[in-house]
């Protein structure tokens, strides 16, 4: 599927949902005392969707990949801080009501990370270097290369088939060294 806008990307949609939910969670009273943690958690969560958007709007695959890795790093940072919230001695009694919410956010951050990794892996295995370098002329050249490669593969298959030893007409194809099957008399 081709996406024209970053807002259409499923990974961006998941990332913006992550940011919204992190902001909602950190509006809770226990996070008032932990302003630095709250602010960093919010920045990291918003960084995931922002880096996806910025990378998408860039002109080359290399730039997109760079921003996807930054976004993935931010998703990891969100997970790390949420795990820290669970371990913080001052918070357990105050955040016990939020345990399931924190677990769901960790899962969402991990989902974003997995999607970003899959996308990055797919981009690394492509010959297309990005929108900025993909003109009508280069697109046609790329497609011609693909057609030529497919033709050469078919040609090689024909050559391989032609190089196989022919089976004499009327003879049964018996592999070399194998005994022919015994004929049974007709009754």
Protein backbone atom coordinates (compact mmCIF):
# COMPACT_ATOMS: atom_id res chain seq x y z
CA UNK A 1 0.00 0.00 0.00
CA UNK A 2 1.23 3.48 -0.82
CA UNK A 3 0.86 6.26 1.72
CA UNK A 4 0.78 9.88 0.61
CA UNK A 5 0.70 11.45 4.07
CA UNK A 6 2.31 10.41 7.34
CA UNK A 7 -1.06 10.65 9.05
CA UNK A 8 -2.15 7.58 7.04
CA UNK A 9 0.67 5.41 8.40
CA UNK A 10 -0.55 2.82 10.93
CA UNK A 11 2.67 3.22 12.93
CA UNK A 12 2.20 6.99 13.15
CA UNK A 13 -1.40 6.47 14.30
CA UNK A 14 -0.21 4.08 17.02
CA UNK A 15 2.53 6.52 18.04
CA UNK A 16 0.20 9.51 18.32
CA UNK A 17 -2.17 7.37 20.41
CA UNK A 18 0.78 6.52 22.64
CA UNK A 19 1.54 10.22 23.12
CA UNK A 20 -2.11 11.04 23.89
CA UNK A 21 -2.33 8.27 26.47
CA UNK A 22 0.99 9.18 28.09
CA UNK A 23 -0.20 12.78 28.43
CA UNK A 24 -3.47 11.58 29.98
CA UNK A 25 -1.65 9.27 32.42
CA UNK A 26 0.83 11.92 33.50
CA UNK A 27 -1.96 14.37 34.25
CA UNK A 28 -2.67 12.21 37.32
CA UNK A 29 -1.77 13.63 40.72
CA UNK A 30 1.16 11.27 41.53
CA UNK A 31 3.10 12.71 38.62
CA UNK A 32 2.82 16.26 40.02
CA UNK A 33 5.65 15.43 42.44
CA UNK A 34 7.77 13.91 39.67
CA UNK A 35 7.83 16.76 37.20
CA UNK A 36 11.14 15.81 35.57
CA UNK A 37 9.99 12.23 34.96
CA UNK A 38 6.60 13.42 33.72
CA UNK A 39 8.14 15.95 31.33
CA UNK A 40 10.71 13.50 29.96
CA UNK A 41 8.07 10.78 29.52
CA UNK A 42 5.87 13.21 27.60
CA UNK A 43 8.75 14.41 25.41
CA UNK A 44 9.83 10.86 24.57
CA UNK A 45 6.26 9.74 23.78
CA UNK A 46 5.67 12.71 21.47
CA UNK A 47 9.09 12.20 19.88
CA UNK A 48 7.99 8.83 18.45
CA UNK A 49 5.25 10.28 16.23
CA UNK A 50 7.20 13.47 15.48
CA UNK A 51 10.22 11.58 14.17
CA UNK A 52 8.05 9.32 12.02
CA UNK A 53 6.42 12.43 10.53
CA UNK A 54 9.71 14.25 9.97
CA UNK A 55 11.36 11.23 8.38
CA UNK A 56 8.37 10.65 6.11
CA UNK A 57 8.52 14.25 4.90
CA UNK A 58 12.24 14.02 4.08
CA UNK A 59 13.34 13.26 0.54
CA UNK A 60 15.58 10.23 0.81
CA UNK A 61 15.33 6.72 2.15
CA UNK A 62 18.51 7.25 4.18
CA UNK A 63 16.98 10.25 5.95
CA UNK A 64 13.73 8.36 6.58
CA UNK A 65 15.67 5.44 8.05
CA UNK A 66 17.60 7.74 10.35
CA UNK A 67 14.38 9.24 11.75
CA UNK A 68 12.75 5.81 12.09
CA UNK A 69 15.64 4.66 14.26
CA UNK A 70 15.34 7.81 16.39
CA UNK A 71 11.60 7.16 16.75
CA UNK A 72 12.32 3.56 17.75
CA UNK A 73 14.81 4.78 20.34
CA UNK A 74 12.17 7.12 21.77
CA UNK A 75 9.68 4.24 22.00
CA UNK A 76 12.29 2.31 23.98
CA UNK A 77 12.81 5.31 26.23
CA UNK A 78 9.07 5.45 26.94
CA UNK A 79 9.04 1.76 27.89
CA UNK A 80 12.06 2.21 30.12
CA UNK A 81 10.49 5.13 31.99
CA UNK A 82 7.21 3.25 32.42
CA UNK A 83 9.13 0.31 33.87
CA UNK A 84 10.89 2.75 36.17
CA UNK A 85 7.49 4.05 37.36
CA UNK A 86 6.61 0.51 38.44
CA UNK A 87 9.87 0.23 40.43
CA UNK A 88 9.95 3.66 42.02
CA UNK A 89 9.61 3.18 45.80
CA UNK A 90 7.77 6.46 46.33
CA UNK A 91 5.07 5.69 43.80
CA UNK A 92 3.75 2.13 44.28
CA UNK A 93 0.91 3.02 46.60
CA UNK A 94 0.02 6.10 44.58
CA UNK A 95 0.15 4.51 41.15
CA UNK A 96 -1.33 1.13 41.97
CA UNK A 97 -4.54 2.34 40.31
CA UNK A 98 -2.55 2.95 37.12
CA UNK A 99 -0.73 -0.41 36.86
CA UNK A 100 -2.94 -1.76 34.07
CA UNK A 101 -2.75 1.57 32.24
CA UNK A 102 1.06 1.58 32.48
CA UNK A 103 1.22 -2.03 31.24
CA UNK A 104 -1.01 -1.14 28.26
CA UNK A 105 1.22 1.84 27.44
CA UNK A 106 4.35 -0.34 27.59
CA UNK A 107 2.68 -2.77 25.21
CA UNK A 108 1.71 0.05 22.83
CA UNK A 109 5.26 1.46 22.90
CA UNK A 110 6.61 -2.01 22.13
CA UNK A 111 4.17 -2.38 19.24
CA UNK A 112 5.39 0.93 17.80
CA UNK A 113 8.96 -0.27 18.15
CA UNK A 114 8.23 -3.55 16.33
CA UNK A 115 6.44 -1.75 13.49
CA UNK A 116 9.29 0.72 13.11
CA UNK A 117 11.84 -2.10 13.00
CA UNK A 118 9.88 -3.99 10.33
CA UNK A 119 9.54 -0.84 8.22
CA UNK A 120 13.24 -0.02 8.58
CA UNK A 121 14.21 -3.59 7.63
CA UNK A 122 12.02 -3.37 4.52
CA UNK A 123 13.50 0.00 3.53
CA UNK A 124 17.05 -1.25 3.91
CA UNK A 125 16.36 -3.95 1.33
CA UNK A 126 15.08 -1.63 -1.40
CA UNK A 127 16.93 -0.12 -4.35
CA UNK A 128 14.79 3.02 -4.33
CA UNK A 129 16.68 5.83 -2.62
CA UNK A 130 13.70 8.06 -1.87
CA UNK A 131 11.29 10.57 -3.37
CA UNK A 132 13.92 13.21 -3.95
CA UNK A 133 15.91 10.86 -6.17
CA UNK A 134 12.98 9.09 -7.82
CA UNK A 135 12.06 11.07 -10.94
CA UNK A 136 9.92 9.76 -13.81
CA UNK A 137 13.11 8.92 -15.68
CA UNK A 138 14.74 7.07 -12.77
CA UNK A 139 11.47 5.26 -12.00
CA UNK A 140 11.29 4.05 -15.62
CA UNK A 141 14.94 2.96 -15.47
CA UNK A 142 14.31 1.07 -12.23
CA UNK A 143 11.28 -0.68 -13.73
CA UNK A 144 13.26 -1.54 -16.89
CA UNK A 145 16.00 -3.06 -14.71
CA UNK A 146 13.41 -5.19 -12.92
CA UNK A 147 11.93 -6.38 -16.24
CA UNK A 148 15.40 -7.17 -17.60
CA UNK A 149 16.25 -9.13 -14.46
CA UNK A 150 13.03 -11.16 -14.75
CA UNK A 151 13.73 -11.82 -18.45
CA UNK A 152 17.26 -13.04 -17.69
CA UNK A 153 15.91 -15.40 -15.01
CA UNK A 154 13.42 -16.88 -17.51
CA UNK A 155 16.14 -17.17 -20.13
CA UNK A 156 18.37 -19.04 -17.68
CA UNK A 157 15.51 -21.43 -16.88
CA UNK A 158 15.07 -22.14 -20.61
CA UNK A 159 18.82 -22.72 -20.98
CA UNK A 160 18.84 -25.07 -18.00
CA UNK A 161 15.94 -27.04 -19.48
CA UNK A 162 17.67 -27.22 -22.88
CA UNK A 163 20.92 -28.43 -21.30
CA UNK A 164 19.20 -31.43 -19.70
CA UNK A 165 19.88 -34.66 -21.62
CA UNK A 166 17.02 -35.49 -24.00
CA UNK A 167 14.89 -38.55 -23.38
CA UNK A 168 14.84 -40.79 -26.49
CA UNK A 169 11.46 -41.05 -28.16
CA UNK A 170 9.61 -44.21 -27.15
CA UNK A 171 12.02 -44.97 -24.29
CA UNK A 172 10.96 -44.78 -20.72
CA UNK A 173 12.95 -42.33 -18.69
CA UNK A 174 14.92 -44.52 -16.27
CA UNK A 175 17.53 -42.83 -14.13
CA UNK A 176 21.11 -43.96 -14.80
CA UNK A 177 22.04 -47.01 -12.76
CA UNK A 178 18.45 -47.94 -12.00
CA UNK A 179 17.06 -51.26 -13.12
CA UNK A 180 14.09 -51.00 -15.47
CA UNK A 181 10.80 -52.21 -14.08
CA UNK A 182 9.97 -55.81 -14.95
CA UNK A 183 7.21 -56.19 -17.44
CA UNK A 184 4.29 -58.40 -16.47
CA UNK A 185 2.91 -60.66 -19.19
CA UNK A 186 -0.48 -59.71 -20.52
CA UNK A 187 -3.20 -62.23 -19.70
